[in-house]
Amino acid sequence: MNENDDWLVFQLDDLMGRVKPGTLSLKEFLRTPSLSCSVYHLPAGSRDMANAHEEDELYLVLGGRGRLRVGEDEHQVREGTLMYVRAACDHAFFDVEEDLTVLVFFGAPVRQRR
């Protein structure tokens, strides 16, 4: 990672190196007052830790396959899938067929933006 006071640069291969194969993990790599970012890894067959949050979220699937339930809707996810989930919306990954690695971007909690 390169950095100064105004910006940070992350390399995707370095972020992927934080993933321990076969282990359910959420590894945060950035936190500011308005944004946090993590690498989320779900091994095949695992259960998601997610539920409704105070923050809007953006998910970018880096690898693997599974499904994401948002409210009562279900969506197939795979490498390259980009999904937005509104704050306070119940959601979870499930039916993880192949180890799923996801970049997760959390906005500031909605109550802080008002």
N, C-alpha and C. Protein backbone atom coordinates (compact mmCIF):
# COMPACT_ATOMS: atom_id res chain seq x y z
N MET A 1 0.84 -1.17 0.00
CA MET A 1 0.00 0.00 0.00
C MET A 1 0.89 1.24 0.00
N ASN A 2 0.61 2.16 -0.90
CA ASN A 2 1.26 3.47 -0.92
C ASN A 2 0.30 4.45 -0.27
N GLU A 3 0.85 5.45 0.40
CA GLU A 3 -0.05 6.39 1.05
C GLU A 3 0.60 7.74 1.29
N ASN A 4 -0.23 8.73 1.44
CA ASN A 4 0.15 10.02 1.99
C ASN A 4 -1.06 10.53 2.76
N ASP A 5 -1.09 11.80 3.09
CA ASP A 5 -2.20 12.31 3.90
C ASP A 5 -3.53 12.36 3.16
N ASP A 6 -3.50 12.38 1.82
CA ASP A 6 -4.71 12.59 1.03
C ASP A 6 -5.25 11.36 0.31
N TRP A 7 -4.46 10.32 0.15
CA TRP A 7 -4.92 9.17 -0.63
C TRP A 7 -4.18 7.91 -0.23
N LEU A 8 -4.77 6.79 -0.58
CA LEU A 8 -4.18 5.47 -0.35
C LEU A 8 -4.32 4.66 -1.63
N VAL A 9 -3.38 3.78 -1.88
CA VAL A 9 -3.44 2.88 -3.03
C VAL A 9 -3.34 1.46 -2.50
N PHE A 10 -4.26 0.61 -2.92
CA PHE A 10 -4.25 -0.79 -2.54
C PHE A 10 -4.12 -1.64 -3.79
N GLN A 11 -3.38 -2.72 -3.70
CA GLN A 11 -3.26 -3.66 -4.80
C GLN A 11 -4.17 -4.85 -4.50
N LEU A 12 -4.95 -5.23 -5.50
CA LEU A 12 -5.91 -6.31 -5.31
C LEU A 12 -5.24 -7.60 -4.86
N ASP A 13 -4.07 -7.92 -5.42
CA ASP A 13 -3.41 -9.17 -5.01
C ASP A 13 -2.98 -9.11 -3.54
N ASP A 14 -2.61 -7.93 -3.05
CA ASP A 14 -2.28 -7.80 -1.62
C ASP A 14 -3.52 -8.01 -0.75
N LEU A 15 -4.64 -7.44 -1.18
CA LEU A 15 -5.89 -7.62 -0.43
C LEU A 15 -6.31 -9.09 -0.43
N MET A 16 -6.17 -9.74 -1.58
CA MET A 16 -6.52 -11.17 -1.67
C MET A 16 -5.61 -12.01 -0.78
N GLY A 17 -4.39 -11.55 -0.56
CA GLY A 17 -3.46 -12.25 0.31
C GLY A 17 -3.90 -12.26 1.77
N ARG A 18 -4.83 -11.41 2.13
CA ARG A 18 -5.36 -11.38 3.51
C ARG A 18 -6.36 -12.50 3.76
N VAL A 19 -6.81 -13.13 2.68
CA VAL A 19 -7.80 -14.21 2.78
C VAL A 19 -7.10 -15.50 3.14
N LYS A 20 -7.59 -16.16 4.18
CA LYS A 20 -7.07 -17.47 4.56
C LYS A 20 -8.03 -18.50 4.01
N PRO A 21 -7.61 -19.28 2.99
CA PRO A 21 -8.53 -20.25 2.38
C PRO A 21 -9.18 -21.16 3.42
N GLY A 22 -10.47 -21.41 3.22
CA GLY A 22 -11.21 -22.30 4.10
C GLY A 22 -11.70 -21.65 5.39
N THR A 23 -11.47 -20.34 5.54
CA THR A 23 -11.85 -19.65 6.77
C THR A 23 -12.83 -18.52 6.47
N LEU A 24 -13.92 -18.47 7.22
CA LEU A 24 -14.86 -17.36 7.13
C LEU A 24 -14.22 -16.14 7.77
N SER A 25 -14.07 -15.05 7.01
CA SER A 25 -13.39 -13.88 7.57
C SER A 25 -13.87 -12.59 6.92
N LEU A 26 -13.76 -11.52 7.69
CA LEU A 26 -14.02 -10.16 7.22
C LEU A 26 -12.80 -9.35 7.64
N LYS A 27 -11.98 -8.93 6.67
CA LYS A 27 -10.73 -8.23 6.95
C LYS A 27 -10.84 -6.79 6.48
N GLU A 28 -11.00 -5.87 7.42
CA GLU A 28 -11.09 -4.46 7.07
C GLU A 28 -9.72 -3.94 6.67
N PHE A 29 -9.67 -3.15 5.58
CA PHE A 29 -8.40 -2.56 5.17
C PHE A 29 -8.46 -1.04 5.06
N LEU A 30 -9.63 -0.44 5.26
CA LEU A 30 -9.74 1.01 5.23
C LEU A 30 -10.91 1.44 6.11
N ARG A 31 -10.67 2.49 6.91
CA ARG A 31 -11.77 3.08 7.69
C ARG A 31 -11.54 4.58 7.76
N THR A 32 -12.55 5.32 7.31
CA THR A 32 -12.57 6.78 7.42
C THR A 32 -13.92 7.15 8.03
N PRO A 33 -14.15 8.41 8.35
CA PRO A 33 -15.47 8.78 8.89
C PRO A 33 -16.62 8.52 7.92
N SER A 34 -16.34 8.50 6.61
CA SER A 34 -17.43 8.35 5.64
C SER A 34 -17.44 7.02 4.89
N LEU A 35 -16.42 6.17 5.09
CA LEU A 35 -16.31 4.95 4.29
C LEU A 35 -15.45 3.93 5.01
N SER A 36 -15.84 2.66 4.90
CA SER A 36 -14.94 1.58 5.31
C SER A 36 -14.99 0.50 4.23
N CYS A 37 -13.88 -0.22 4.10
CA CYS A 37 -13.76 -1.25 3.07
C CYS A 37 -13.14 -2.49 3.68
N SER A 38 -13.65 -3.65 3.24
CA SER A 38 -13.18 -4.93 3.77
C SER A 38 -13.14 -5.97 2.66
N VAL A 39 -12.36 -7.01 2.90
CA VAL A 39 -12.40 -8.21 2.07
C VAL A 39 -13.15 -9.26 2.89
N TYR A 40 -14.21 -9.78 2.31
CA TYR A 40 -15.06 -10.76 2.98
C TYR A 40 -14.89 -12.08 2.26
N HIS A 41 -14.59 -13.14 3.02
CA HIS A 41 -14.38 -14.46 2.42
C HIS A 41 -15.31 -15.47 3.08
N LEU A 42 -16.06 -16.18 2.24
CA LEU A 42 -16.96 -17.24 2.71
C LEU A 42 -16.56 -18.54 2.01
N PRO A 43 -16.08 -19.53 2.75
CA PRO A 43 -15.77 -20.82 2.14
C PRO A 43 -17.03 -21.50 1.61
N ALA A 44 -16.86 -22.34 0.63
CA ALA A 44 -17.99 -23.10 0.08
C ALA A 44 -18.74 -23.79 1.22
N GLY A 45 -20.07 -23.68 1.18
CA GLY A 45 -20.91 -24.32 2.19
C GLY A 45 -21.08 -23.54 3.48
N SER A 46 -20.40 -22.41 3.62
CA SER A 46 -20.49 -21.66 4.88
C SER A 46 -21.74 -20.80 4.95
N ARG A 47 -22.02 -20.28 6.14
CA ARG A 47 -23.16 -19.39 6.37
C ARG A 47 -22.64 -17.97 6.55
N ASP A 48 -23.39 -17.03 6.01
CA ASP A 48 -23.02 -15.62 6.06
C ASP A 48 -23.24 -15.03 7.44
N MET A 49 -22.40 -14.07 7.82
CA MET A 49 -22.54 -13.35 9.09
C MET A 49 -23.41 -12.11 8.93
N ALA A 50 -23.76 -11.75 7.70
CA ALA A 50 -24.42 -10.46 7.43
C ALA A 50 -25.89 -10.46 7.84
N ASN A 51 -26.38 -9.26 7.98
CA ASN A 51 -27.79 -8.97 8.19
C ASN A 51 -27.98 -7.49 7.88
N ALA A 52 -29.02 -6.87 8.37
CA ALA A 52 -29.23 -5.45 8.10
C ALA A 52 -28.18 -4.61 8.85
N HIS A 53 -27.70 -3.55 8.20
CA HIS A 53 -26.71 -2.65 8.78
C HIS A 53 -27.22 -1.22 8.72
N GLU A 54 -26.56 -0.34 9.45
CA GLU A 54 -26.90 1.09 9.43
C GLU A 54 -26.33 1.79 8.20
N GLU A 55 -25.46 1.11 7.45
CA GLU A 55 -24.77 1.73 6.33
C GLU A 55 -25.27 1.17 5.00
N ASP A 56 -25.25 2.02 3.96
CA ASP A 56 -25.39 1.50 2.61
C ASP A 56 -24.16 0.66 2.33
N GLU A 57 -24.32 -0.38 1.49
CA GLU A 57 -23.20 -1.27 1.18
C GLU A 57 -23.11 -1.50 -0.31
N LEU A 58 -21.89 -1.70 -0.78
CA LEU A 58 -21.63 -2.08 -2.16
C LEU A 58 -20.75 -3.31 -2.11
N TYR A 59 -21.15 -4.35 -2.83
CA TYR A 59 -20.40 -5.61 -2.88
C TYR A 59 -19.86 -5.81 -4.28
N LEU A 60 -18.58 -6.16 -4.40
CA LEU A 60 -17.98 -6.56 -5.67
C LEU A 60 -17.41 -7.95 -5.48
N VAL A 61 -17.97 -8.93 -6.19
CA VAL A 61 -17.51 -10.32 -6.07
C VAL A 61 -16.22 -10.48 -6.87
N LEU A 62 -15.15 -10.87 -6.17
CA LEU A 62 -13.85 -11.07 -6.79
C LEU A 62 -13.65 -12.49 -7.26
N GLY A 63 -14.35 -13.43 -6.66
CA GLY A 63 -14.23 -14.83 -7.05
C GLY A 63 -15.25 -15.67 -6.33
N GLY A 64 -15.54 -16.83 -6.92
CA GLY A 64 -16.48 -17.77 -6.32
C GLY A 64 -17.89 -17.60 -6.85
N ARG A 65 -18.79 -18.40 -6.27
CA ARG A 65 -20.21 -18.36 -6.68
C ARG A 65 -21.09 -18.64 -5.48
N GLY A 66 -22.25 -18.01 -5.51
CA GLY A 66 -23.25 -18.23 -4.47
C GLY A 66 -24.48 -17.42 -4.78
N ARG A 67 -25.27 -17.16 -3.75
CA ARG A 67 -26.49 -16.38 -3.92
C ARG A 67 -26.53 -15.32 -2.82
N LEU A 68 -27.19 -14.20 -3.13
CA LEU A 68 -27.40 -13.14 -2.16
C LEU A 68 -28.89 -12.91 -2.04
N ARG A 69 -29.39 -13.00 -0.80
CA ARG A 69 -30.79 -12.68 -0.53
C ARG A 69 -30.83 -11.25 -0.04
N VAL A 70 -31.69 -10.45 -0.67
CA VAL A 70 -31.91 -9.06 -0.26
C VAL A 70 -33.41 -8.91 -0.06
N GLY A 71 -33.82 -8.71 1.19
CA GLY A 71 -35.25 -8.72 1.50
C GLY A 71 -35.80 -10.10 1.16
N GLU A 72 -36.79 -10.15 0.29
CA GLU A 72 -37.36 -11.43 -0.14
C GLU A 72 -36.87 -11.86 -1.51
N ASP A 73 -35.97 -11.08 -2.11
CA ASP A 73 -35.42 -11.40 -3.43
C ASP A 73 -34.11 -12.15 -3.30
N GLU A 74 -33.82 -12.99 -4.29
CA GLU A 74 -32.57 -13.74 -4.33
C GLU A 74 -31.87 -13.47 -5.65
N HIS A 75 -30.53 -13.41 -5.58
CA HIS A 75 -29.75 -13.10 -6.77
C HIS A 75 -28.53 -14.01 -6.82
N GLN A 76 -28.26 -14.59 -8.00
CA GLN A 76 -27.04 -15.36 -8.22
C GLN A 76 -25.87 -14.37 -8.26
N VAL A 77 -24.77 -14.69 -7.59
CA VAL A 77 -23.58 -13.84 -7.64
C VAL A 77 -22.39 -14.69 -8.06
N ARG A 78 -21.49 -14.06 -8.79
CA ARG A 78 -20.26 -14.72 -9.26
C ARG A 78 -19.23 -13.63 -9.51
N GLU A 79 -18.03 -14.02 -9.89
CA GLU A 79 -16.98 -13.05 -10.15
C GLU A 79 -17.49 -11.94 -11.08
N GLY A 80 -17.28 -10.70 -10.66
CA GLY A 80 -17.70 -9.56 -11.46
C GLY A 80 -19.04 -8.98 -11.07
N THR A 81 -19.82 -9.68 -10.23
CA THR A 81 -21.11 -9.15 -9.80
C THR A 81 -20.88 -7.96 -8.87
N LEU A 82 -21.58 -6.86 -9.14
CA LEU A 82 -21.53 -5.66 -8.31
C LEU A 82 -22.95 -5.39 -7.83
N MET A 83 -23.14 -5.34 -6.50
CA MET A 83 -24.49 -5.17 -5.95
C MET A 83 -24.49 -4.09 -4.88
N TYR A 84 -25.52 -3.27 -4.89
CA TYR A 84 -25.76 -2.25 -3.87
C TYR A 84 -26.88 -2.74 -2.96
N VAL A 85 -26.69 -2.57 -1.65
CA VAL A 85 -27.73 -2.91 -0.67
C VAL A 85 -27.95 -1.68 0.22
N ARG A 86 -29.16 -1.20 0.25
CA ARG A 86 -29.54 -0.03 1.02
C ARG A 86 -29.42 -0.30 2.53
N ALA A 87 -29.09 0.73 3.28
CA ALA A 87 -29.02 0.63 4.75
C ALA A 87 -30.32 0.07 5.30
N ALA A 88 -30.21 -0.73 6.35
CA ALA A 88 -31.34 -1.32 7.08
C ALA A 88 -32.09 -2.38 6.29
N CYS A 89 -31.59 -2.78 5.14
CA CYS A 89 -32.22 -3.82 4.32
C CYS A 89 -31.62 -5.18 4.71
N ASP A 90 -32.46 -6.11 5.13
CA ASP A 90 -31.99 -7.43 5.54
C ASP A 90 -31.41 -8.16 4.33
N HIS A 91 -30.23 -8.77 4.50
CA HIS A 91 -29.57 -9.45 3.38
C HIS A 91 -28.56 -10.47 3.92
N ALA A 92 -28.22 -11.45 3.08
CA ALA A 92 -27.22 -12.44 3.46
C ALA A 92 -26.83 -13.26 2.23
N PHE A 93 -25.56 -13.65 2.17
CA PHE A 93 -25.12 -14.61 1.16
C PHE A 93 -25.52 -16.00 1.63
N PHE A 94 -25.84 -16.88 0.68
CA PHE A 94 -26.18 -18.26 1.01
C PHE A 94 -25.88 -19.13 -0.21
N ASP A 95 -26.07 -20.44 -0.08
CA ASP A 95 -25.76 -21.39 -1.15
C ASP A 95 -24.40 -21.09 -1.78
N VAL A 96 -23.38 -20.93 -0.94
CA VAL A 96 -22.03 -20.65 -1.43
C VAL A 96 -21.48 -21.93 -2.05
N GLU A 97 -21.44 -21.96 -3.39
CA GLU A 97 -21.02 -23.16 -4.13
C GLU A 97 -19.51 -23.26 -4.26
N GLU A 98 -18.85 -22.12 -4.46
CA GLU A 98 -17.39 -22.04 -4.53
C GLU A 98 -16.97 -20.95 -3.56
N ASP A 99 -15.79 -21.11 -2.93
CA ASP A 99 -15.31 -20.07 -2.02
C ASP A 99 -15.59 -18.70 -2.61
N LEU A 100 -16.25 -17.86 -1.84
CA LEU A 100 -16.71 -16.55 -2.30
C LEU A 100 -15.85 -15.47 -1.64
N THR A 101 -15.22 -14.64 -2.47
CA THR A 101 -14.41 -13.53 -1.97
C THR A 101 -15.01 -12.24 -2.52
N VAL A 102 -15.30 -11.32 -1.61
CA VAL A 102 -16.07 -10.12 -1.95
C VAL A 102 -15.39 -8.88 -1.35
N LEU A 103 -15.25 -7.83 -2.15
CA LEU A 103 -14.89 -6.52 -1.61
C LEU A 103 -16.17 -5.88 -1.11
N VAL A 104 -16.16 -5.41 0.12
CA VAL A 104 -17.34 -4.79 0.72
C VAL A 104 -17.01 -3.34 1.04
N PHE A 105 -17.85 -2.44 0.55
CA PHE A 105 -17.70 -1.02 0.80
C PHE A 105 -18.90 -0.57 1.64
N PHE A 106 -18.63 -0.05 2.84
CA PHE A 106 -19.68 0.45 3.72
C PHE A 106 -19.63 1.97 3.71
N GLY A 107 -20.76 2.61 3.44
CA GLY A 107 -20.85 4.06 3.57
C GLY A 107 -20.97 4.44 5.04
N ALA A 108 -20.98 5.74 5.31
CA ALA A 108 -21.20 6.19 6.68
C ALA A 108 -22.61 5.80 7.11
N PRO A 109 -22.81 5.51 8.38
CA PRO A 109 -24.18 5.22 8.84
C PRO A 109 -25.13 6.33 8.41
N VAL A 110 -26.31 5.95 8.00
CA VAL A 110 -27.29 6.89 7.49
C VAL A 110 -27.55 8.02 8.48
N ARG A 111 -27.62 7.70 9.77
CA ARG A 111 -27.90 8.73 10.78
C ARG A 111 -26.81 9.80 10.82
N GLN A 112 -25.57 9.47 10.42
CA GLN A 112 -24.48 10.45 10.42
C GLN A 112 -24.54 11.37 9.21
N ARG A 113 -25.25 10.98 8.16
CA ARG A 113 -25.30 11.77 6.94
C ARG A 113 -26.39 12.83 6.97
N ARG A 114 -27.26 12.79 7.93
CA ARG A 114 -28.39 13.74 7.97
C ARG A 114 -27.97 15.09 8.48
